[in-house]
């Protein structure tokens, strides 16, 4: 799994050896992509991750990526 700083930037955070934080991000991504997750919850997840990680990260791209 990779989180890029933005779509055109070569800067990438590789989360393959990070352990618990990686598992938490994957859990959040799974909840976000669950068919039963409503639009309000998806917006809240995106907003909170953006607040936590900062505007320079493509949170929506990460959540929508099927990797």
PDB file of N, CA and C in Angstrom:
ATOM      1  N   UNK A   1       0.851  -1.175   0.000  1.00  0.00           N
ATOM      2  CA  UNK A   1       0.000   0.000   0.000  1.00  0.00           C
ATOM      3  C   UNK A   1       0.891   1.229   0.000  1.00  0.00           C
ATOM      4  N   UNK A   2       0.505   2.227  -0.779  1.00  0.00           N
ATOM      5  CA  UNK A   2       1.268   3.458  -0.869  1.00  0.00           C
ATOM      6  C   UNK A   2       0.332   4.645  -0.742  1.00  0.00           C
ATOM      7  N   UNK A   3       0.798   5.650  -0.047  1.00  0.00           N
ATOM      8  CA  UNK A   3       0.077   6.919   0.003  1.00  0.00           C
ATOM      9  C   UNK A   3       1.000   7.949  -0.623  1.00  0.00           C
ATOM     10  N   UNK A   4       0.586   8.520  -1.734  1.00  0.00           N
ATOM     11  CA  UNK A   4       1.416   9.533  -2.374  1.00  0.00           C
ATOM     12  C   UNK A   4       1.039  10.907  -1.854  1.00  0.00           C
ATOM     13  N   UNK A   5       2.006  11.792  -1.890  1.00  0.00           N
ATOM     14  CA  UNK A   5       1.779  13.144  -1.410  1.00  0.00           C
ATOM     15  C   UNK A   5       0.706  13.835  -2.238  1.00  0.00           C
ATOM     16  N   UNK A   6       0.746  13.678  -3.518  1.00  0.00           N
ATOM     17  CA  UNK A   6      -0.332  14.097  -4.414  1.00  0.00           C
ATOM     18  C   UNK A   6      -0.175  13.331  -5.719  1.00  0.00           C
ATOM     19  N   UNK A   7      -1.113  13.458  -6.610  1.00  0.00           N
ATOM     20  CA  UNK A   7      -1.134  12.635  -7.820  1.00  0.00           C
ATOM     21  C   UNK A   7       0.068  12.863  -8.727  1.00  0.00           C
ATOM     22  N   UNK A   8       0.641  14.046  -8.736  1.00  0.00           N
ATOM     23  CA  UNK A   8       1.747  14.333  -9.644  1.00  0.00           C
ATOM     24  C   UNK A   8       3.110  14.272  -8.959  1.00  0.00           C
ATOM     25  N   UNK A   9       3.158  14.005  -7.670  1.00  0.00           N
ATOM     26  CA  UNK A   9       4.406  14.004  -6.923  1.00  0.00           C
ATOM     27  C   UNK A   9       5.020  12.614  -6.845  1.00  0.00           C
ATOM     28  N   UNK A  10       6.349  12.527  -6.983  1.00  0.00           N
ATOM     29  CA  UNK A  10       7.013  11.231  -6.823  1.00  0.00           C
ATOM     30  C   UNK A  10       7.170  10.829  -5.358  1.00  0.00           C
ATOM     31  N   UNK A  11       6.887  11.727  -4.418  1.00  0.00           N
ATOM     32  CA  UNK A  11       7.007  11.432  -2.995  1.00  0.00           C
ATOM     33  C   UNK A  11       5.962  10.404  -2.585  1.00  0.00           C
ATOM     34  N   UNK A  12       6.411   9.314  -1.967  1.00  0.00           N
ATOM     35  CA  UNK A  12       5.505   8.231  -1.590  1.00  0.00           C
ATOM     36  C   UNK A  12       5.862   7.743  -0.198  1.00  0.00           C
ATOM     37  N   UNK A  13       4.862   7.449   0.615  1.00  0.00           N
ATOM     38  CA  UNK A  13       5.067   6.787   1.896  1.00  0.00           C
ATOM     39  C   UNK A  13       4.758   5.315   1.683  1.00  0.00           C
ATOM     40  N   UNK A  14       5.732   4.463   1.932  1.00  0.00           N
ATOM     41  CA  UNK A  14       5.542   3.022   1.777  1.00  0.00           C
ATOM     42  C   UNK A  14       5.190   2.448   3.141  1.00  0.00           C
ATOM     43  N   UNK A  15       4.015   1.835   3.251  1.00  0.00           N
ATOM     44  CA  UNK A  15       3.530   1.355   4.540  1.00  0.00           C
ATOM     45  C   UNK A  15       3.679  -0.153   4.723  1.00  0.00           C
ATOM     46  N   UNK A  16       4.533  -0.808   3.951  1.00  0.00           N
ATOM     47  CA  UNK A  16       4.604  -2.263   4.022  1.00  0.00           C
ATOM     48  C   UNK A  16       5.181  -2.784   5.330  1.00  0.00           C
ATOM     49  N   UNK A  17       6.012  -2.023   6.035  1.00  0.00           N
ATOM     50  CA  UNK A  17       6.635  -2.501   7.264  1.00  0.00           C
ATOM     51  C   UNK A  17       6.262  -1.671   8.489  1.00  0.00           C
ATOM     52  N   UNK A  18       5.141  -1.031   8.460  1.00  0.00           N
ATOM     53  CA  UNK A  18       4.783  -0.125   9.537  1.00  0.00           C
ATOM     54  C   UNK A  18       3.932  -0.795  10.617  1.00  0.00           C
ATOM     55  N   UNK A  19       3.336  -1.934  10.347  1.00  0.00           N
ATOM     56  CA  UNK A  19       2.608  -2.680  11.366  1.00  0.00           C
ATOM     57  C   UNK A  19       1.244  -2.123  11.688  1.00  0.00           C
ATOM     58  N   UNK A  20       1.038  -1.787  12.956  1.00  0.00           N
ATOM     59  CA  UNK A  20      -0.280  -1.369  13.436  1.00  0.00           C
ATOM     60  C   UNK A  20      -0.854  -0.161  12.691  1.00  0.00           C
ATOM     61  N   UNK A  21      -0.089   0.916  12.483  1.00  0.00           N
ATOM     62  CA  UNK A  21      -0.671   2.033  11.720  1.00  0.00           C
ATOM     63  C   UNK A  21      -1.161   1.607  10.334  1.00  0.00           C
ATOM     64  N   UNK A  22      -0.432   0.710   9.694  1.00  0.00           N
ATOM     65  CA  UNK A  22      -0.845   0.200   8.381  1.00  0.00           C
ATOM     66  C   UNK A  22      -2.158  -0.561   8.501  1.00  0.00           C
ATOM     67  N   UNK A  23      -2.273  -1.406   9.518  1.00  0.00           N
ATOM     68  CA  UNK A  23      -3.503  -2.176   9.726  1.00  0.00           C
ATOM     69  C   UNK A  23      -4.685  -1.254   9.988  1.00  0.00           C
ATOM     70  N   UNK A  24      -4.455  -0.194  10.746  1.00  0.00           N
ATOM     71  CA  UNK A  24      -5.525   0.761  11.044  1.00  0.00           C
ATOM     72  C   UNK A  24      -5.970   1.476   9.767  1.00  0.00           C
ATOM     73  N   UNK A  25      -5.012   1.918   8.945  1.00  0.00           N
ATOM     74  CA  UNK A  25      -5.376   2.578   7.689  1.00  0.00           C
ATOM     75  C   UNK A  25      -6.131   1.636   6.764  1.00  0.00           C
ATOM     76  N   UNK A  26      -5.732   0.373   6.712  1.00  0.00           N
ATOM     77  CA  UNK A  26      -6.448  -0.603   5.880  1.00  0.00           C
ATOM     78  C   UNK A  26      -7.855  -0.858   6.411  1.00  0.00           C
ATOM     79  N   UNK A  27      -8.003  -0.882   7.730  1.00  0.00           N
ATOM     80  CA  UNK A  27      -9.326  -1.046   8.339  1.00  0.00           C
ATOM     81  C   UNK A  27     -10.227   0.130   7.971  1.00  0.00           C
ATOM     82  N   UNK A  28      -9.700   1.338   8.089  1.00  0.00           N
ATOM     83  CA  UNK A  28     -10.469   2.533   7.733  1.00  0.00           C
ATOM     84  C   UNK A  28     -10.861   2.487   6.258  1.00  0.00           C
ATOM     85  N   UNK A  29      -9.928   2.074   5.404  1.00  0.00           N
ATOM     86  CA  UNK A  29     -10.202   1.967   3.970  1.00  0.00           C
ATOM     87  C   UNK A  29     -11.292   0.935   3.699  1.00  0.00           C
ATOM     88  N   UNK A  30     -11.261  -0.192   4.416  1.00  0.00           N
ATOM     89  CA  UNK A  30     -12.275  -1.236   4.246  1.00  0.00           C
ATOM     90  C   UNK A  30     -13.659  -0.726   4.655  1.00  0.00           C
ATOM     91  N   UNK A  31     -13.725  -0.003   5.768  1.00  0.00           N
ATOM     92  CA  UNK A  31     -15.001   0.574   6.209  1.00  0.00           C
ATOM     93  C   UNK A  31     -15.484   1.602   5.186  1.00  0.00           C
ATOM     94  N   UNK A  32     -14.582   2.452   4.717  1.00  0.00           N
ATOM     95  CA  UNK A  32     -14.928   3.478   3.730  1.00  0.00           C
ATOM     96  C   UNK A  32     -15.534   2.852   2.471  1.00  0.00           C
ATOM     97  N   UNK A  33     -14.973   1.745   2.017  1.00  0.00           N
ATOM     98  CA  UNK A  33     -15.414   1.101   0.774  1.00  0.00           C
ATOM     99  C   UNK A  33     -16.515   0.068   0.961  1.00  0.00           C
ATOM    100  N   UNK A  34     -16.968  -0.140   2.175  1.00  0.00           N
ATOM    101  CA  UNK A  34     -18.060  -1.082   2.409  1.00  0.00           C
ATOM    102  C   UNK A  34     -19.335  -0.546   1.758  1.00  0.00           C
ATOM    103  N   UNK A  35     -20.090  -1.405   1.079  1.00  0.00           N
ATOM    104  CA  UNK A  35     -21.321  -0.949   0.414  1.00  0.00           C
ATOM    105  C   UNK A  35     -22.360  -0.361   1.375  1.00  0.00           C
ATOM    106  N   UNK A  36     -22.282  -0.692   2.646  1.00  0.00           N
ATOM    107  CA  UNK A  36     -23.245  -0.179   3.622  1.00  0.00           C
ATOM    108  C   UNK A  36     -22.828   1.150   4.250  1.00  0.00           C
ATOM    109  N   UNK A  37     -21.637   1.653   3.908  1.00  0.00           N
ATOM    110  CA  UNK A  37     -21.173   2.927   4.454  1.00  0.00           C
ATOM    111  C   UNK A  37     -21.838   4.065   3.692  1.00  0.00           C
ATOM    112  N   UNK A  38     -22.546   4.926   4.432  1.00  0.00           N
ATOM    113  CA  UNK A  38     -23.268   6.020   3.771  1.00  0.00           C
ATOM    114  C   UNK A  38     -22.341   7.189   3.430  1.00  0.00           C
ATOM    115  N   UNK A  39     -22.840   8.084   2.615  1.00  0.00           N
ATOM    116  CA  UNK A  39     -22.065   9.225   2.124  1.00  0.00           C
ATOM    117  C   UNK A  39     -21.559  10.112   3.270  1.00  0.00           C
ATOM    118  N   UNK A  40     -22.383  10.341   4.283  1.00  0.00           N
ATOM    119  CA  UNK A  40     -21.988  11.183   5.420  1.00  0.00           C
ATOM    120  C   UNK A  40     -20.780  10.576   6.133  1.00  0.00           C
ATOM    121  N   UNK A  41     -20.800   9.271   6.354  1.00  0.00           N
ATOM    122  CA  UNK A  41     -19.690   8.592   7.025  1.00  0.00           C
ATOM    123  C   UNK A  41     -18.429   8.651   6.171  1.00  0.00           C
ATOM    124  N   UNK A  42     -18.569   8.469   4.866  1.00  0.00           N
ATOM    125  CA  UNK A  42     -17.412   8.558   3.973  1.00  0.00           C
ATOM    126  C   UNK A  42     -16.798   9.958   4.023  1.00  0.00           C
ATOM    127  N   UNK A  43     -17.638  10.979   4.015  1.00  0.00           N
ATOM    128  CA  UNK A  43     -17.142  12.352   4.104  1.00  0.00           C
ATOM    129  C   UNK A  43     -16.406  12.581   5.416  1.00  0.00           C
ATOM    130  N   UNK A  44     -16.949  12.062   6.509  1.00  0.00           N
ATOM    131  CA  UNK A  44     -16.315  12.210   7.817  1.00  0.00           C
ATOM    132  C   UNK A  44     -14.958  11.504   7.848  1.00  0.00           C
ATOM    133  N   UNK A  45     -14.880  10.301   7.304  1.00  0.00           N
ATOM    134  CA  UNK A  45     -13.611   9.566   7.254  1.00  0.00           C
ATOM    135  C   UNK A  45     -12.574  10.366   6.469  1.00  0.00           C
ATOM    136  N   UNK A  46     -12.945  10.866   5.293  1.00  0.00           N
ATOM    137  CA  UNK A  46     -12.015  11.663   4.479  1.00  0.00           C
ATOM    138  C   UNK A  46     -11.569  12.921   5.216  1.00  0.00           C
ATOM    139  N   UNK A  47     -12.527  13.614   5.831  1.00  0.00           N
ATOM    140  CA  UNK A  47     -12.225  14.845   6.558  1.00  0.00           C
ATOM    141  C   UNK A  47     -11.250  14.585   7.703  1.00  0.00           C
ATOM    142  N   UNK A  48     -11.517  13.554   8.499  1.00  0.00           N
ATOM    143  CA  UNK A  48     -10.675  13.267   9.664  1.00  0.00           C
ATOM    144  C   UNK A  48      -9.277  12.795   9.255  1.00  0.00           C
ATOM    145  N   UNK A  49      -9.174  11.966   8.216  1.00  0.00           N
ATOM    146  CA  UNK A  49      -7.848  11.544   7.749  1.00  0.00           C
ATOM    147  C   UNK A  49      -7.065  12.725   7.190  1.00  0.00           C
ATOM    148  N   UNK A  50      -7.750  13.616   6.460  1.00  0.00           N
ATOM    149  CA  UNK A  50      -7.089  14.798   5.912  1.00  0.00           C
ATOM    150  C   UNK A  50      -6.583  15.682   7.040  1.00  0.00           C
ATOM    151  N   UNK A  51      -7.376  15.835   8.088  1.00  0.00           N
ATOM    152  CA  UNK A  51      -6.987  16.635   9.243  1.00  0.00           C
ATOM    153  C   UNK A  51      -5.778  16.009   9.942  1.00  0.00           C
ATOM    154  N   UNK A  52      -5.768  14.697  10.063  1.00  0.00           N
ATOM    155  CA  UNK A  52      -4.689  13.983  10.743  1.00  0.00           C
ATOM    156  C   UNK A  52      -3.394  13.982   9.932  1.00  0.00           C
ATOM    157  N   UNK A  53      -3.484  13.692   8.642  1.00  0.00           N
ATOM    158  CA  UNK A  53      -2.287  13.516   7.814  1.00  0.00           C
ATOM    159  C   UNK A  53      -1.857  14.774   7.070  1.00  0.00           C
ATOM    160  N   UNK A  54      -2.767  15.735   6.929  1.00  0.00           N
ATOM    161  CA  UNK A  54      -2.418  16.983   6.259  1.00  0.00           C
ATOM    162  C   UNK A  54      -2.922  17.052   4.830  1.00  0.00           C
ATOM    163  N   UNK A  55      -3.022  18.253   4.338  1.00  0.00           N
ATOM    164  CA  UNK A  55      -3.568  18.519   3.009  1.00  0.00           C
ATOM    165  C   UNK A  55      -2.671  18.026   1.874  1.00  0.00           C
ATOM    166  N   UNK A  56      -1.396  17.805   2.155  1.00  0.00           N
ATOM    167  CA  UNK A  56      -0.485  17.415   1.074  1.00  0.00           C
ATOM    168  C   UNK A  56      -0.666  15.967   0.627  1.00  0.00           C
ATOM    169  N   UNK A  57      -1.451  15.181   1.355  1.00  0.00           N
ATOM    170  CA  UNK A  57      -1.679  13.783   0.997  1.00  0.00           C
ATOM    171  C   UNK A  57      -2.989  13.610   0.236  1.00  0.00           C
ATOM    172  N   UNK A  58      -2.984  12.718  -0.737  1.00  0.00           N
ATOM    173  CA  UNK A  58      -4.161  12.425  -1.551  1.00  0.00           C
ATOM    174  C   UNK A  58      -5.002  11.360  -0.842  1.00  0.00           C
ATOM    175  N   UNK A  59      -5.748  11.772   0.165  1.00  0.00           N
ATOM    176  CA  UNK A  59      -6.541  10.850   0.977  1.00  0.00           C
ATOM    177  C   UNK A  59      -7.635  10.199   0.141  1.00  0.00           C
ATOM    178  N   UNK A  60      -8.334  10.982  -0.654  1.00  0.00           N
ATOM    179  CA  UNK A  60      -9.409  10.432  -1.481  1.00  0.00           C
ATOM    180  C   UNK A  60      -8.863   9.395  -2.457  1.00  0.00           C
ATOM    181  N   UNK A  61      -7.715   9.675  -3.054  1.00  0.00           N
ATOM    182  CA  UNK A  61      -7.077   8.720  -3.954  1.00  0.00           C
ATOM    183  C   UNK A  61      -6.712   7.429  -3.243  1.00  0.00           C
ATOM    184  N   UNK A  62      -6.180   7.546  -2.026  1.00  0.00           N
ATOM    185  CA  UNK A  62      -5.841   6.360  -1.235  1.00  0.00           C
ATOM    186  C   UNK A  62      -7.085   5.539  -0.926  1.00  0.00           C
ATOM    187  N   UNK A  63      -8.136   6.195  -0.464  1.00  0.00           N
ATOM    188  CA  UNK A  63      -9.353   5.473  -0.074  1.00  0.00           C
ATOM    189  C   UNK A  63     -10.033   4.815  -1.270  1.00  0.00           C
ATOM    190  N   UNK A  64      -9.967   5.440  -2.431  1.00  0.00           N
ATOM    191  CA  UNK A  64     -10.628   4.895  -3.615  1.00  0.00           C
ATOM    192  C   UNK A  64      -9.770   3.898  -4.388  1.00  0.00           C
ATOM    193  N   UNK A  65      -8.471   3.858  -4.099  1.00  0.00           N
ATOM    194  CA  UNK A  65      -7.567   2.930  -4.782  1.00  0.00           C
ATOM    195  C   UNK A  65      -7.844   1.508  -4.312  1.00  0.00           C
ATOM    196  N   UNK A  66      -7.915   0.577  -5.239  1.00  0.00           N
ATOM    197  CA  UNK A  66      -8.255  -0.807  -4.893  1.00  0.00           C
ATOM    198  C   UNK A  66      -7.041  -1.664  -4.553  1.00  0.00           C
ATOM    199  N   UNK A  67      -5.835  -1.090  -4.452  1.00  0.00           N
ATOM    200  CA  UNK A  67      -4.633  -1.865  -4.087  1.00  0.00           C
ATOM    201  C   UNK A  67      -4.711  -2.391  -2.681  1.00  0.00           C
TER     202      UNK A  67
END
